[in-house]
C-alpha atoms as a PDB file:
ATOM      1  CA  UNK A   1     -19.496 -24.184 -21.770  1.00  0.00           C
ATOM      2  CA  UNK A   2     -19.478 -22.070 -18.618  1.00  0.00           C
ATOM      3  CA  UNK A   3     -16.910 -20.254 -16.478  1.00  0.00           C
ATOM      4  CA  UNK A   4     -17.963 -19.496 -12.948  1.00  0.00           C
ATOM      5  CA  UNK A   5     -16.075 -17.130 -11.189  1.00  0.00           C
ATOM      6  CA  UNK A   6     -16.079 -17.104  -7.353  1.00  0.00           C
ATOM      7  CA  UNK A   7     -15.482 -14.129  -5.140  1.00  0.00           C
ATOM      8  CA  UNK A   8     -11.766 -14.780  -3.835  1.00  0.00           C
ATOM      9  CA  UNK A   9     -12.860 -13.251  -0.507  1.00  0.00           C
ATOM     10  CA  UNK A  10     -15.846 -15.562  -0.245  1.00  0.00           C
ATOM     11  CA  UNK A  11     -14.927 -18.489  -2.429  1.00  0.00           C
ATOM     12  CA  UNK A  12     -17.425 -20.995  -0.725  1.00  0.00           C
ATOM     13  CA  UNK A  13     -20.512 -18.534  -1.797  1.00  0.00           C
ATOM     14  CA  UNK A  14     -21.587 -19.649  -5.320  1.00  0.00           C
ATOM     15  CA  UNK A  15     -23.554 -17.247  -7.422  1.00  0.00           C
ATOM     16  CA  UNK A  16     -27.227 -18.050  -7.668  1.00  0.00           C
ATOM     17  CA  UNK A  17     -27.006 -18.298 -11.389  1.00  0.00           C
ATOM     18  CA  UNK A  18     -24.680 -20.994 -11.148  1.00  0.00           C
ATOM     19  CA  UNK A  19     -26.331 -23.345  -8.534  1.00  0.00           C
ATOM     20  CA  UNK A  20     -28.024 -25.332 -11.297  1.00  0.00           C
ATOM     21  CA  UNK A  21     -24.824 -25.663 -13.463  1.00  0.00           C
ATOM     22  CA  UNK A  22     -22.291 -27.374 -10.778  1.00  0.00           C
ATOM     23  CA  UNK A  23     -24.379 -30.429 -10.031  1.00  0.00           C
ATOM     24  CA  UNK A  24     -22.830 -32.807 -12.793  1.00  0.00           C
ATOM     25  CA  UNK A  25     -19.162 -31.800 -11.795  1.00  0.00           C
ATOM     26  CA  UNK A  26     -16.880 -29.107 -12.579  1.00  0.00           C
ATOM     27  CA  UNK A  27     -13.137 -28.404 -13.625  1.00  0.00           C
ATOM     28  CA  UNK A  28     -11.240 -26.170 -11.356  1.00  0.00           C
ATOM     29  CA  UNK A  29      -8.426 -23.603 -12.034  1.00  0.00           C
ATOM     30  CA  UNK A  30      -5.295 -24.037  -9.829  1.00  0.00           C
ATOM     31  CA  UNK A  31      -6.258 -21.087  -7.650  1.00  0.00           C
ATOM     32  CA  UNK A  32      -9.511 -22.443  -6.264  1.00  0.00           C
ATOM     33  CA  UNK A  33      -9.091 -23.117  -2.392  1.00  0.00           C
ATOM     34  CA  UNK A  34      -9.306 -26.815  -1.254  1.00  0.00           C
ATOM     35  CA  UNK A  35     -12.381 -26.052   0.716  1.00  0.00           C
ATOM     36  CA  UNK A  36     -14.265 -25.362  -2.328  1.00  0.00           C
ATOM     37  CA  UNK A  37     -12.891 -28.548  -4.066  1.00  0.00           C
ATOM     38  CA  UNK A  38     -14.433 -30.513  -1.231  1.00  0.00           C
ATOM     39  CA  UNK A  39     -17.943 -29.003  -1.804  1.00  0.00           C
ATOM     40  CA  UNK A  40     -17.978 -29.291  -5.438  1.00  0.00           C
ATOM     41  CA  UNK A  41     -17.283 -32.661  -7.493  1.00  0.00           C
ATOM     42  CA  UNK A  42     -14.389 -32.459  -9.837  1.00  0.00           C
ATOM     43  CA  UNK A  43     -14.945 -34.083 -13.247  1.00  0.00           C
ATOM     44  CA  UNK A  44     -12.439 -33.598 -15.754  1.00  0.00           C
ATOM     45  CA  UNK A  45     -13.916 -32.634 -19.165  1.00  0.00           C
ATOM     46  CA  UNK A  46     -16.847 -31.109 -17.487  1.00  0.00           C
ATOM     47  CA  UNK A  47     -18.716 -28.078 -19.202  1.00  0.00           C
ATOM     48  CA  UNK A  48     -18.224 -25.873 -16.324  1.00  0.00           C
ATOM     49  CA  UNK A  49     -14.938 -24.238 -14.969  1.00  0.00           C
ATOM     50  CA  UNK A  50     -14.888 -22.817 -11.658  1.00  0.00           C
ATOM     51  CA  UNK A  51     -12.133 -20.355 -10.754  1.00  0.00           C
ATOM     52  CA  UNK A  52     -11.539 -17.060  -8.898  1.00  0.00           C
ATOM     53  CA  UNK A  53      -9.155 -15.056 -11.130  1.00  0.00           C
ATOM     54  CA  UNK A  54     -10.739 -13.689 -14.447  1.00  0.00           C
ATOM     55  CA  UNK A  55      -7.040 -13.333 -15.936  1.00  0.00           C
ATOM     56  CA  UNK A  56      -6.069 -16.926 -15.072  1.00  0.00           C
ATOM     57  CA  UNK A  57      -4.834 -18.379 -18.347  1.00  0.00           C
ATOM     58  CA  UNK A  58      -7.410 -21.225 -18.414  1.00  0.00           C
ATOM     59  CA  UNK A  59     -10.213 -18.838 -17.797  1.00  0.00           C
ATOM     60  CA  UNK A  60      -8.930 -16.637 -20.696  1.00  0.00           C
ATOM     61  CA  UNK A  61      -8.869 -19.699 -22.854  1.00  0.00           C
ATOM     62  CA  UNK A  62     -12.369 -20.823 -22.010  1.00  0.00           C
ATOM     63  CA  UNK A  63     -13.801 -17.357 -22.614  1.00  0.00           C
ATOM     64  CA  UNK A  64     -11.862 -16.992 -25.830  1.00  0.00           C
ATOM     65  CA  UNK A  65     -13.651 -20.214 -26.845  1.00  0.00           C
ATOM     66  CA  UNK A  66     -17.078 -18.671 -26.341  1.00  0.00           C
ATOM     67  CA  UNK A  67     -17.773 -19.790 -22.783  1.00  0.00           C
ATOM     68  CA  UNK A  68     -20.281 -17.555 -20.898  1.00  0.00           C
ATOM     69  CA  UNK A  69     -19.154 -16.235 -17.610  1.00  0.00           C
ATOM     70  CA  UNK A  70     -21.175 -16.443 -14.329  1.00  0.00           C
ATOM     71  CA  UNK A  71     -19.368 -14.057 -11.818  1.00  0.00           C
ATOM     72  CA  UNK A  72     -20.057 -13.403  -8.290  1.00  0.00           C
ATOM     73  CA  UNK A  73     -21.420  -9.900  -7.713  1.00  0.00           C
ATOM     74  CA  UNK A  74     -18.994  -7.285  -6.645  1.00  0.00           C
ATOM     75  CA  UNK A  75     -19.898  -6.092  -3.256  1.00  0.00           C
ATOM     76  CA  UNK A  76     -19.163  -2.522  -2.437  1.00  0.00           C
ATOM     77  CA  UNK A  77     -16.690  -2.655   0.587  1.00  0.00           C
ATOM     78  CA  UNK A  78     -15.004  -6.019  -0.304  1.00  0.00           C
ATOM     79  CA  UNK A  79     -11.538  -4.270  -0.471  1.00  0.00           C
ATOM     80  CA  UNK A  80     -12.131  -2.835   2.944  1.00  0.00           C
ATOM     81  CA  UNK A  81     -12.573  -6.259   4.283  1.00  0.00           C
ATOM     82  CA  UNK A  82      -9.289  -7.284   2.650  1.00  0.00           C
ATOM     83  CA  UNK A  83      -7.529  -4.300   3.916  1.00  0.00           C
ATOM     84  CA  UNK A  84      -8.536  -5.256   7.566  1.00  0.00           C
ATOM     85  CA  UNK A  85      -7.315  -8.771   7.034  1.00  0.00           C
ATOM     86  CA  UNK A  86      -4.133  -7.478   5.716  1.00  0.00           C
ATOM     87  CA  UNK A  87      -3.675  -5.416   8.789  1.00  0.00           C
ATOM     88  CA  UNK A  88      -4.400  -8.338  11.043  1.00  0.00           C
ATOM     89  CA  UNK A  89      -1.589 -10.356   9.140  1.00  0.00           C
ATOM     90  CA  UNK A  90       0.768  -7.613   9.699  1.00  0.00           C
ATOM     91  CA  UNK A  91      -0.023  -7.658  13.374  1.00  0.00           C
ATOM     92  CA  UNK A  92       0.217 -11.367  13.664  1.00  0.00           C
ATOM     93  CA  UNK A  93       3.963 -11.250  12.613  1.00  0.00           C
ATOM     94  CA  UNK A  94       4.714  -9.532  15.994  1.00  0.00           C
ATOM     95  CA  UNK A  95       6.998  -6.931  14.350  1.00  0.00           C
ATOM     96  CA  UNK A  96       7.141  -3.072  14.335  1.00  0.00           C
ATOM     97  CA  UNK A  97       3.460  -2.788  14.326  1.00  0.00           C
ATOM     98  CA  UNK A  98       2.720  -4.422  17.714  1.00  0.00           C
ATOM     99  CA  UNK A  99       5.099  -1.946  19.380  1.00  0.00           C
ATOM    100  CA  UNK A 100       3.060   0.997  18.477  1.00  0.00           C
ATOM    101  CA  UNK A 101       0.543   2.732  20.591  1.00  0.00           C
ATOM    102  CA  UNK A 102      -2.250   5.359  19.719  1.00  0.00           C
ATOM    103  CA  UNK A 103       0.091   8.080  20.935  1.00  0.00           C
ATOM    104  CA  UNK A 104       3.220   6.900  18.863  1.00  0.00           C
ATOM    105  CA  UNK A 105       1.108   6.892  15.647  1.00  0.00           C
ATOM    106  CA  UNK A 106      -0.563  10.157  16.259  1.00  0.00           C
ATOM    107  CA  UNK A 107       2.005  12.225  14.330  1.00  0.00           C
ATOM    108  CA  UNK A 108       1.531   9.812  11.471  1.00  0.00           C
ATOM    109  CA  UNK A 109      -2.111  10.409  11.523  1.00  0.00           C
ATOM    110  CA  UNK A 110      -1.523  14.424  11.334  1.00  0.00           C
ATOM    111  CA  UNK A 111       0.951  13.807   8.424  1.00  0.00           C
ATOM    112  CA  UNK A 112      -1.363  11.682   6.440  1.00  0.00           C
ATOM    113  CA  UNK A 113      -4.154  14.149   6.893  1.00  0.00           C
ATOM    114  CA  UNK A 114      -2.111  17.064   5.630  1.00  0.00           C
ATOM    115  CA  UNK A 115      -1.151  14.844   2.604  1.00  0.00           C
ATOM    116  CA  UNK A 116      -4.577  14.141   1.765  1.00  0.00           C
ATOM    117  CA  UNK A 117      -5.295  17.961   1.815  1.00  0.00           C
ATOM    118  CA  UNK A 118      -2.264  18.293  -0.450  1.00  0.00           C
ATOM    119  CA  UNK A 119      -3.622  15.722  -2.924  1.00  0.00           C
ATOM    120  CA  UNK A 120      -6.951  17.553  -2.768  1.00  0.00           C
ATOM    121  CA  UNK A 121      -5.201  20.703  -3.660  1.00  0.00           C
ATOM    122  CA  UNK A 122      -3.246  19.045  -6.539  1.00  0.00           C
ATOM    123  CA  UNK A 123      -6.588  17.825  -7.929  1.00  0.00           C
ATOM    124  CA  UNK A 124      -5.058  14.560  -9.013  1.00  0.00           C
ATOM    125  CA  UNK A 125      -7.452  11.761  -8.506  1.00  0.00           C
ATOM    126  CA  UNK A 126      -4.572   9.331  -8.393  1.00  0.00           C
ATOM    127  CA  UNK A 127      -2.915  11.200  -5.677  1.00  0.00           C
ATOM    128  CA  UNK A 128      -5.906  11.545  -3.800  1.00  0.00           C
ATOM    129  CA  UNK A 129      -6.906   7.854  -3.925  1.00  0.00           C
ATOM    130  CA  UNK A 130      -3.377   6.907  -2.583  1.00  0.00           C
ATOM    131  CA  UNK A 131      -3.403   9.427   0.254  1.00  0.00           C
ATOM    132  CA  UNK A 132      -6.914   8.289   1.330  1.00  0.00           C
ATOM    133  CA  UNK A 133      -5.570   4.730   1.326  1.00  0.00           C
ATOM    134  CA  UNK A 134      -2.706   5.979   3.796  1.00  0.00           C
ATOM    135  CA  UNK A 135      -5.393   7.782   5.911  1.00  0.00           C
ATOM    136  CA  UNK A 136      -7.401   4.795   5.949  1.00  0.00           C
ATOM    137  CA  UNK A 137      -4.339   2.581   7.106  1.00  0.00           C
ATOM    138  CA  UNK A 138      -4.377   4.809  10.138  1.00  0.00           C
ATOM    139  CA  UNK A 139      -7.937   3.928  11.102  1.00  0.00           C
ATOM    140  CA  UNK A 140      -7.037   0.357  10.518  1.00  0.00           C
ATOM    141  CA  UNK A 141      -3.924   0.540  12.632  1.00  0.00           C
ATOM    142  CA  UNK A 142      -5.529   2.409  15.615  1.00  0.00           C
ATOM    143  CA  UNK A 143      -8.611   0.044  15.558  1.00  0.00           C
ATOM    144  CA  UNK A 144      -6.241  -3.047  15.729  1.00  0.00           C
ATOM    145  CA  UNK A 145      -4.298  -1.699  18.633  1.00  0.00           C
ATOM    146  CA  UNK A 146      -7.683  -1.033  20.456  1.00  0.00           C
ATOM    147  CA  UNK A 147      -8.713  -4.681  19.532  1.00  0.00           C
ATOM    148  CA  UNK A 148      -5.414  -6.031  21.014  1.00  0.00           C
ATOM    149  CA  UNK A 149      -6.240  -4.036  24.295  1.00  0.00           C
ATOM    150  CA  UNK A 150      -9.745  -5.551  24.366  1.00  0.00           C
ATOM    151  CA  UNK A 151     -11.410  -2.153  23.857  1.00  0.00           C
ATOM    152  CA  UNK A 152     -13.041  -2.404  20.488  1.00  0.00           C
ATOM    153  CA  UNK A 153     -12.327  -3.585  16.977  1.00  0.00           C
ATOM    154  CA  UNK A 154     -12.672  -2.085  13.287  1.00  0.00           C
ATOM    155  CA  UNK A 155     -16.164  -3.588  12.983  1.00  0.00           C
ATOM    156  CA  UNK A 156     -17.260  -1.693  16.001  1.00  0.00           C
ATOM    157  CA  UNK A 157     -15.773   1.371  14.691  1.00  0.00           C
ATOM    158  CA  UNK A 158     -17.709   1.054  11.388  1.00  0.00           C
ATOM    159  CA  UNK A 159     -20.912   0.091  13.361  1.00  0.00           C
ATOM    160  CA  UNK A 160     -20.558   3.159  15.364  1.00  0.00           C
ATOM    161  CA  UNK A 161     -20.307   5.234  12.252  1.00  0.00           C
ATOM    162  CA  UNK A 162     -23.469   3.498  10.615  1.00  0.00           C
ATOM    163  CA  UNK A 163     -25.451   4.021  13.717  1.00  0.00           C
ATOM    164  CA  UNK A 164     -24.473   7.692  13.752  1.00  0.00           C
ATOM    165  CA  UNK A 165     -25.191   8.282  10.075  1.00  0.00           C
ATOM    166  CA  UNK A 166     -28.523   6.509  10.264  1.00  0.00           C
ATOM    167  CA  UNK A 167     -29.719   8.420  13.476  1.00  0.00           C
ATOM    168  CA  UNK A 168     -28.688  11.846  12.154  1.00  0.00           C
ATOM    169  CA  UNK A 169     -29.943  11.318   8.688  1.00  0.00           C
ATOM    170  CA  UNK A 170     -33.721  10.425   8.944  1.00  0.00           C
ATOM    171  CA  UNK A 171     -34.073  10.216   5.346  1.00  0.00           C
ATOM    172  CA  UNK A 172     -31.979   6.966   5.141  1.00  0.00           C
ATOM    173  CA  UNK A 173     -34.882   5.353   6.475  1.00  0.00           C
ATOM    174  CA  UNK A 174     -37.566   6.816   4.030  1.00  0.00           C
ATOM    175  CA  UNK A 175     -38.301   6.153   0.542  1.00  0.00           C
ATOM    176  CA  UNK A 176     -36.913   9.358  -0.992  1.00  0.00           C
ATOM    177  CA  UNK A 177     -37.441  10.228  -4.611  1.00  0.00           C
ATOM    178  CA  UNK A 178     -35.176  12.701  -6.144  1.00  0.00           C
ATOM    179  CA  UNK A 179     -32.729  15.192  -4.394  1.00  0.00           C
ATOM    180  CA  UNK A 180     -33.569  16.144  -0.892  1.00  0.00           C
ATOM    181  CA  UNK A 181     -33.677  19.625   0.551  1.00  0.00           C
ATOM    182  CA  UNK A 182     -30.115  20.605   1.824  1.00  0.00           C
ATOM    183  CA  UNK A 183     -31.315  23.005   4.357  1.00  0.00           C
ATOM    184  CA  UNK A 184     -33.708  20.589   5.861  1.00  0.00           C
ATOM    185  CA  UNK A 185     -31.030  17.901   5.803  1.00  0.00           C
ATOM    186  CA  UNK A 186     -28.661  20.110   7.602  1.00  0.00           C
ATOM    187  CA  UNK A 187     -31.360  21.182  10.154  1.00  0.00           C
ATOM    188  CA  UNK A 188     -32.314  17.401  10.856  1.00  0.00           C
ATOM    189  CA  UNK A 189     -28.597  16.643  11.252  1.00  0.00           C
ATOM    190  CA  UNK A 190     -27.946  19.260  13.743  1.00  0.00           C
ATOM    191  CA  UNK A 191     -31.222  18.662  15.805  1.00  0.00           C
ATOM    192  CA  UNK A 192     -30.327  14.899  16.168  1.00  0.00           C
ATOM    193  CA  UNK A 193     -26.819  15.551  16.853  1.00  0.00           C
ATOM    194  CA  UNK A 194     -27.871  17.912  19.750  1.00  0.00           C
ATOM    195  CA  UNK A 195     -29.988  15.417  21.241  1.00  0.00           C
ATOM    196  CA  UNK A 196     -27.437  12.607  20.779  1.00  0.00           C
ATOM    197  CA  UNK A 197     -24.657  14.574  22.541  1.00  0.00           C
ATOM    198  CA  UNK A 198     -26.663  16.249  25.263  1.00  0.00           C
ATOM    199  CA  UNK A 199     -24.106  18.855  25.606  1.00  0.00           C
ATOM    200  CA  UNK A 200     -23.979  21.146  28.649  1.00  0.00           C
ATOM    201  CA  UNK A 201     -21.981  23.758  26.938  1.00  0.00           C
ATOM    202  CA  UNK A 202     -21.694  25.276  23.176  1.00  0.00           C
ATOM    203  CA  UNK A 203     -18.045  24.521  23.472  1.00  0.00           C
ATOM    204  CA  UNK A 204     -18.313  20.688  24.309  1.00  0.00           C
ATOM    205  CA  UNK A 205     -16.884  18.707  21.607  1.00  0.00           C
ATOM    206  CA  UNK A 206     -14.265  21.168  20.328  1.00  0.00           C
ATOM    207  CA  UNK A 207     -10.818  19.586  19.629  1.00  0.00           C
ATOM    208  CA  UNK A 208      -8.656  21.055  22.248  1.00  0.00           C
ATOM    209  CA  UNK A 209      -5.498  19.769  20.557  1.00  0.00           C
ATOM    210  CA  UNK A 210      -5.743  21.756  17.262  1.00  0.00           C
ATOM    211  CA  UNK A 211      -3.463  24.665  16.606  1.00  0.00           C
ATOM    212  CA  UNK A 212      -4.073  27.824  18.718  1.00  0.00           C
ATOM    213  CA  UNK A 213      -5.346  29.969  15.806  1.00  0.00           C
ATOM    214  CA  UNK A 214      -7.870  27.401  14.696  1.00  0.00           C
ATOM    215  CA  UNK A 215      -8.951  26.751  18.163  1.00  0.00           C
ATOM    216  CA  UNK A 216      -9.631  30.368  18.722  1.00  0.00           C
ATOM    217  CA  UNK A 217     -11.716  30.630  15.650  1.00  0.00           C
ATOM    218  CA  UNK A 218     -13.780  27.683  16.610  1.00  0.00           C
ATOM    219  CA  UNK A 219     -14.532  28.815  20.099  1.00  0.00           C
ATOM    220  CA  UNK A 220     -15.427  32.296  18.753  1.00  0.00           C
ATOM    221  CA  UNK A 221     -17.659  30.651  15.977  1.00  0.00           C
ATOM    222  CA  UNK A 222     -19.344  28.300  18.502  1.00  0.00           C
ATOM    223  CA  UNK A 223     -19.879  31.246  21.133  1.00  0.00           C
ATOM    224  CA  UNK A 224     -21.140  33.354  18.467  1.00  0.00           C
ATOM    225  CA  UNK A 225     -23.707  30.820  17.223  1.00  0.00           C
ATOM    226  CA  UNK A 226     -24.895  30.524  20.934  1.00  0.00           C
ATOM    227  CA  UNK A 227     -25.535  34.260  20.926  1.00  0.00           C
ATOM    228  CA  UNK A 228     -22.372  35.684  22.428  1.00  0.00           C
ATOM    229  CA  UNK A 229     -21.973  39.294  21.390  1.00  0.00           C
ATOM    230  CA  UNK A 230     -18.847  39.841  19.385  1.00  0.00           C
ATOM    231  CA  UNK A 231     -17.701  42.645  21.568  1.00  0.00           C
ATOM    232  CA  UNK A 232     -17.126  40.378  24.512  1.00  0.00           C
ATOM    233  CA  UNK A 233     -14.308  38.312  22.748  1.00  0.00           C
ATOM    234  CA  UNK A 234     -11.024  39.695  24.288  1.00  0.00           C
ATOM    235  CA  UNK A 235      -9.374  42.021  21.867  1.00  0.00           C
ATOM    236  CA  UNK A 236      -5.865  40.223  22.489  1.00  0.00           C
ATOM    237  CA  UNK A 237      -7.366  36.999  21.181  1.00  0.00           C
ATOM    238  CA  UNK A 238      -8.241  38.667  17.875  1.00  0.00           C
ATOM    239  CA  UNK A 239      -4.956  40.424  17.794  1.00  0.00           C
ATOM    240  CA  UNK A 240      -3.057  37.279  18.609  1.00  0.00           C
ATOM    241  CA  UNK A 241      -4.814  35.161  16.219  1.00  0.00           C
ATOM    242  CA  UNK A 242      -4.165  37.511  13.424  1.00  0.00           C
ATOM    243  CA  UNK A 243      -0.489  37.725  14.495  1.00  0.00           C
ATOM    244  CA  UNK A 244      -0.368  33.854  14.459  1.00  0.00           C
ATOM    245  CA  UNK A 245      -1.858  33.748  10.991  1.00  0.00           C
ATOM    246  CA  UNK A 246       0.404  36.329   9.598  1.00  0.00           C
ATOM    247  CA  UNK A 247       3.373  34.644  11.147  1.00  0.00           C
ATOM    248  CA  UNK A 248       2.343  31.259   9.740  1.00  0.00           C
ATOM    249  CA  UNK A 249       1.889  32.955   6.335  1.00  0.00           C
ATOM    250  CA  UNK A 250       5.705  34.295   6.536  1.00  0.00           C
ATOM    251  CA  UNK A 251       6.976  30.837   7.948  1.00  0.00           C
ATOM    252  CA  UNK A 252       4.989  29.059   4.992  1.00  0.00           C
ATOM    253  CA  UNK A 253       6.520  31.518   2.407  1.00  0.00           C
ATOM    254  CA  UNK A 254      10.048  31.060   3.773  1.00  0.00           C
ATOM    255  CA  UNK A 255       9.693  27.225   3.793  1.00  0.00           C
ATOM    256  CA  UNK A 256       8.521  27.111   0.188  1.00  0.00           C
ATOM    257  CA  UNK A 257      11.545  29.280  -0.731  1.00  0.00           C
ATOM    258  CA  UNK A 258      13.686  26.785   1.193  1.00  0.00           C
ATOM    259  CA  UNK A 259      12.098  23.856  -0.820  1.00  0.00           C
ATOM    260  CA  UNK A 260      12.708  25.416  -4.057  1.00  0.00           C
ATOM    261  CA  UNK A 261      16.281  26.105  -3.343  1.00  0.00           C
ATOM    262  CA  UNK A 262      16.750  22.516  -2.126  1.00  0.00           C
ATOM    263  CA  UNK A 263      15.244  21.149  -5.101  1.00  0.00           C
ATOM    264  CA  UNK A 264      17.300  23.365  -7.382  1.00  0.00           C
ATOM    265  CA  UNK A 265      20.454  22.029  -5.613  1.00  0.00           C
ATOM    266  CA  UNK A 266      19.443  18.326  -5.988  1.00  0.00           C
ATOM    267  CA  UNK A 267      18.667  18.923  -9.743  1.00  0.00           C
ATOM    268  CA  UNK A 268      22.080  20.621 -10.363  1.00  0.00           C
ATOM    269  CA  UNK A 269      23.898  17.787  -8.523  1.00  0.00           C
ATOM    270  CA  UNK A 270      21.880  15.302 -10.332  1.00  0.00           C
ATOM    271  CA  UNK A 271      22.629  16.904 -13.718  1.00  0.00           C
ATOM    272  CA  UNK A 272      26.402  16.630 -12.573  1.00  0.00           C
ATOM    273  CA  UNK A 273      26.254  13.111 -11.896  1.00  0.00           C
ATOM    274  CA  UNK A 274      25.865  13.336  -8.229  1.00  0.00           C
ATOM    275  CA  UNK A 275      23.560  11.124  -6.396  1.00  0.00           C
ATOM    276  CA  UNK A 276      24.145  12.897  -2.953  1.00  0.00           C
ATOM    277  CA  UNK A 277      25.574  16.113  -1.653  1.00  0.00           C
ATOM    278  CA  UNK A 278      28.085  16.706   1.166  1.00  0.00           C
ATOM    279  CA  UNK A 279      28.193  19.739   3.359  1.00  0.00           C
ATOM    280  CA  UNK A 280      30.499  21.708   0.991  1.00  0.00           C
ATOM    281  CA  UNK A 281      28.311  20.886  -2.018  1.00  0.00           C
ATOM    282  CA  UNK A 282      25.276  22.247  -0.119  1.00  0.00           C
ATOM    283  CA  UNK A 283      27.088  25.437   0.736  1.00  0.00           C
ATOM    284  CA  UNK A 284      28.349  25.861  -2.936  1.00  0.00           C
ATOM    285  CA  UNK A 285      24.783  25.332  -4.367  1.00  0.00           C
ATOM    286  CA  UNK A 286      23.319  27.722  -1.804  1.00  0.00           C
ATOM    287  CA  UNK A 287      26.017  30.339  -2.508  1.00  0.00           C
ATOM    288  CA  UNK A 288      27.107  30.156   1.219  1.00  0.00           C
ATOM    289  CA  UNK A 289      30.958  29.978   0.484  1.00  0.00           C
END
């Protein structure tokens, strides 16, 4: 007695180990697609059960009775394929998704990136997994918008990344045994990146839409790496950057204080049986009356 578990993403692909087992006919669980049923002969009472779900009641019964299990190997990235397919299905409904543009989604991309950073700060693997998924959604969404416009699709995004990684990491094409030298890895990456980009300026490739303080720091770092003497950096940039950092620090502290007060008011209202607060309640909890 054998249970053959097909990959639900590739149900027509039979595990090699199962090829010699299905010739005399099989039984099916009700989750097996019709296309598979047309390829394999159904035989009630057969010694082989074909399904796609390891938790299906019939599969569990067979396994409990001692049946061995032959399962399609798990392929890394299968769920990425499914995520792209779900994005396609959402798009096909013609709802909110198709009204979006790269620009209208840009603030979501920034928000999701900050939420990933918060999750990293929290050191909670579950939070990080969820937030990385939300960030992945942005990649899928932007790729689908580009595909609809005839520019590129998510496969081309992935292919471009693979080509970049392979080109900048020569050890990927070698039979490397043991850990590689990190300094050599970084050197090879930078050399190939420079050849690939063929930049005319040390400032090419800097993200100009980043906040002013981080933009200034990046420009100074790049120019310094190219040999710019530090005394040539205008003093007002250094001073203003420091002022921005200090202002951001004060704003962050004030915002955190506001967050704490809002949560305290919400907790007090909840303890009093209130699900929402009106203006007077807010004023009362903040001591503004």
